Every structure is written in C-alpha cells, then in structure tokens.
C-alpha cells in the first residue's frame, strides 16, 4: 500500500503524455503534478505522479496498477528513492497543476 502521495508509473507508451496520465488519475483524486521522465526530448516510458493525499494515492495504486493505457499495461507503485533526486536533468516533460 502507498505510504506517500507520490507514485511511480511505469511501462508507459512512449507517446503517452503527462496530460493523459493526469486525466486518468484525476478520476481518483486531485492531481498535483505529473512528470514523465525523458532524455533528449524522448520519453523513457516511466514517470511519477503526485496526488493530493495518501488515501487517493492508495486507491490509484490499487485501481490503476496493470491498467491498460494507450495500449500498454501500466505499472503503478510506490517509488523507490533515486540517487538522482528531484532535480534530475531527465525530468524534462513535466506538468504541475496550481
């Protein structure tokens, strides 16, 4: 179960946008931000989403893990801490909602 309001979203179609992910997760709760990890402007097929509260993140993880989005079965889980951190140069394609 999620212990954070931040989730890892993997196995994304390379054409899936942050907006598409945001719209899907908004059906569960308010989306704070979506970041698709990319390099040289090309998606690496995974990203992160921040939802307004832990309970909504838990529901989203349960509902959307193995959900088919843009022809791919996505993986939704608690993110593993990265040595690269939040300021990674690979986080080029991000949306943040006010």
C-alpha atoms as a PDB file:
ATOM      1  CA  UNK A   1       0.000   0.000   0.000  1.00  0.00           C
ATOM      2  CA  UNK A   2       1.105   3.555  -0.646  1.00  0.00           C
ATOM      3  CA  UNK A   3       2.545   5.458   2.292  1.00  0.00           C
ATOM      4  CA  UNK A   4       3.080   8.552   0.199  1.00  0.00           C
ATOM      5  CA  UNK A   5       1.024  10.680  -2.134  1.00  0.00           C
ATOM      6  CA  UNK A   6       3.668  10.158  -4.857  1.00  0.00           C
ATOM      7  CA  UNK A   7       3.525   7.159  -7.201  1.00  0.00           C
ATOM      8  CA  UNK A   8       5.781   5.650  -9.862  1.00  0.00           C
ATOM      9  CA  UNK A   9       4.047   4.942 -13.194  1.00  0.00           C
ATOM     10  CA  UNK A  10       5.954   2.573 -15.464  1.00  0.00           C
ATOM     11  CA  UNK A  11       5.637   0.742 -18.786  1.00  0.00           C
ATOM     12  CA  UNK A  12       4.157   3.827 -20.417  1.00  0.00           C
ATOM     13  CA  UNK A  13       3.640   4.040 -24.146  1.00  0.00           C
ATOM     14  CA  UNK A  14       6.339   6.405 -25.473  1.00  0.00           C
ATOM     15  CA  UNK A  15       3.548   8.582 -26.919  1.00  0.00           C
ATOM     16  CA  UNK A  16       1.610   8.895 -23.623  1.00  0.00           C
ATOM     17  CA  UNK A  17       1.572  12.486 -22.366  1.00  0.00           C
ATOM     18  CA  UNK A  18       1.614  13.877 -18.842  1.00  0.00           C
ATOM     19  CA  UNK A  19      -1.840  15.291 -19.565  1.00  0.00           C
ATOM     20  CA  UNK A  20      -3.213  11.830 -20.414  1.00  0.00           C
ATOM     21  CA  UNK A  21      -1.873  10.387 -17.158  1.00  0.00           C
ATOM     22  CA  UNK A  22      -3.212  13.371 -15.214  1.00  0.00           C
ATOM     23  CA  UNK A  23      -6.709  12.943 -16.662  1.00  0.00           C
ATOM     24  CA  UNK A  24      -6.749   9.247 -15.767  1.00  0.00           C
ATOM     25  CA  UNK A  25      -5.622   9.791 -12.168  1.00  0.00           C
ATOM     26  CA  UNK A  26      -7.987  12.755 -11.660  1.00  0.00           C
ATOM     27  CA  UNK A  27     -10.804  10.198 -11.608  1.00  0.00           C
ATOM     28  CA  UNK A  28      -9.431   9.117  -8.197  1.00  0.00           C
ATOM     29  CA  UNK A  29      -8.307  12.430  -6.652  1.00  0.00           C
ATOM     30  CA  UNK A  30      -6.788  15.835  -7.269  1.00  0.00           C
ATOM     31  CA  UNK A  31      -3.517  15.623  -9.209  1.00  0.00           C
ATOM     32  CA  UNK A  32      -0.738  17.934  -8.024  1.00  0.00           C
ATOM     33  CA  UNK A  33       1.855  17.088 -10.680  1.00  0.00           C
ATOM     34  CA  UNK A  34       2.809  14.552 -13.340  1.00  0.00           C
ATOM     35  CA  UNK A  35       6.367  14.054 -14.601  1.00  0.00           C
ATOM     36  CA  UNK A  36       7.283  11.771 -17.483  1.00  0.00           C
ATOM     37  CA  UNK A  37      10.983  11.018 -17.420  1.00  0.00           C
ATOM     38  CA  UNK A  38      12.643  11.794 -20.730  1.00  0.00           C
ATOM     39  CA  UNK A  39      16.057  12.132 -22.281  1.00  0.00           C
ATOM     40  CA  UNK A  40      16.756  14.398 -25.246  1.00  0.00           C
ATOM     41  CA  UNK A  41      13.030  15.072 -25.530  1.00  0.00           C
ATOM     42  CA  UNK A  42      12.079  11.397 -25.801  1.00  0.00           C
ATOM     43  CA  UNK A  43      10.063   9.551 -23.170  1.00  0.00           C
ATOM     44  CA  UNK A  44      11.848   6.798 -21.270  1.00  0.00           C
ATOM     45  CA  UNK A  45       8.499   5.075 -20.614  1.00  0.00           C
ATOM     46  CA  UNK A  46       8.050   5.933 -16.960  1.00  0.00           C
ATOM     47  CA  UNK A  47       7.262   8.829 -14.698  1.00  0.00           C
ATOM     48  CA  UNK A  48       5.853   9.991 -11.393  1.00  0.00           C
ATOM     49  CA  UNK A  49       2.540  11.400 -10.258  1.00  0.00           C
ATOM     50  CA  UNK A  50       1.786  13.332  -7.099  1.00  0.00           C
ATOM     51  CA  UNK A  51      -1.786  13.155  -5.824  1.00  0.00           C
ATOM     52  CA  UNK A  52      -3.361  15.411  -3.195  1.00  0.00           C
ATOM     53  CA  UNK A  53      -3.477  12.849  -0.358  1.00  0.00           C
ATOM     54  CA  UNK A  54      -2.210   9.421   0.689  1.00  0.00           C
ATOM     55  CA  UNK A  55      -5.653   7.790   0.608  1.00  0.00           C
ATOM     56  CA  UNK A  56      -6.206   8.803  -3.020  1.00  0.00           C
ATOM     57  CA  UNK A  57      -2.715   7.542  -3.900  1.00  0.00           C
ATOM     58  CA  UNK A  58      -3.555   4.177  -2.315  1.00  0.00           C
ATOM     59  CA  UNK A  59      -6.798   3.943  -4.311  1.00  0.00           C
ATOM     60  CA  UNK A  60      -4.991   4.943  -7.524  1.00  0.00           C
ATOM     61  CA  UNK A  61      -2.305   2.314  -6.968  1.00  0.00           C
ATOM     62  CA  UNK A  62      -4.922  -0.400  -6.451  1.00  0.00           C
ATOM     63  CA  UNK A  63      -7.128   0.694  -9.347  1.00  0.00           C
ATOM     64  CA  UNK A  64      -4.526   1.555 -11.989  1.00  0.00           C
ATOM     65  CA  UNK A  65      -1.729  -0.986 -11.449  1.00  0.00           C
ATOM     66  CA  UNK A  66      -1.940  -3.247 -14.547  1.00  0.00           C
ATOM     67  CA  UNK A  67      -4.476  -0.862 -16.160  1.00  0.00           C
ATOM     68  CA  UNK A  68      -4.172  -0.614 -19.951  1.00  0.00           C
ATOM     69  CA  UNK A  69      -3.365   2.940 -21.066  1.00  0.00           C
ATOM     70  CA  UNK A  70      -2.571   3.777 -24.703  1.00  0.00           C
ATOM     71  CA  UNK A  71      -2.165   0.075 -25.477  1.00  0.00           C
ATOM     72  CA  UNK A  72       0.277  -0.684 -22.644  1.00  0.00           C
ATOM     73  CA  UNK A  73      -0.370  -2.319 -19.262  1.00  0.00           C
ATOM     74  CA  UNK A  74       0.998   0.308 -16.876  1.00  0.00           C
ATOM     75  CA  UNK A  75       2.701  -0.378 -13.577  1.00  0.00           C
ATOM     76  CA  UNK A  76       1.751   1.824 -10.606  1.00  0.00           C
ATOM     77  CA  UNK A  77       3.718   1.514  -7.369  1.00  0.00           C
ATOM     78  CA  UNK A  78       5.396   3.338  -4.527  1.00  0.00           C
ATOM     79  CA  UNK A  79       8.556   4.940  -5.977  1.00  0.00           C
ATOM     80  CA  UNK A  80      11.957   3.709  -4.912  1.00  0.00           C
ATOM     81  CA  UNK A  81      14.199   6.551  -3.802  1.00  0.00           C
ATOM     82  CA  UNK A  82      16.661   7.532  -6.508  1.00  0.00           C
ATOM     83  CA  UNK A  83      20.180   8.835  -6.109  1.00  0.00           C
ATOM     84  CA  UNK A  84      19.374  11.314  -8.900  1.00  0.00           C
ATOM     85  CA  UNK A  85      16.748  13.098  -6.811  1.00  0.00           C
ATOM     86  CA  UNK A  86      14.030  15.541  -7.815  1.00  0.00           C
ATOM     87  CA  UNK A  87      16.344  17.833  -9.802  1.00  0.00           C
ATOM     88  CA  UNK A  88      17.343  15.198 -12.335  1.00  0.00           C
ATOM     89  CA  UNK A  89      18.062  16.550 -15.840  1.00  0.00           C
ATOM     90  CA  UNK A  90      15.939  13.657 -17.157  1.00  0.00           C
ATOM     91  CA  UNK A  91      12.725  15.220 -15.842  1.00  0.00           C
ATOM     92  CA  UNK A  92      12.158  17.380 -18.903  1.00  0.00           C
ATOM     93  CA  UNK A  93       8.470  16.685 -19.632  1.00  0.00           C
ATOM     94  CA  UNK A  94       6.519  17.721 -16.544  1.00  0.00           C
ATOM     95  CA  UNK A  95       3.236  19.406 -15.775  1.00  0.00           C
ATOM     96  CA  UNK A  96       2.402  20.916 -12.441  1.00  0.00           C
ATOM     97  CA  UNK A  97      -1.087  21.994 -11.527  1.00  0.00           C
ATOM     98  CA  UNK A  98      -1.624  25.156  -9.468  1.00  0.00           C
END
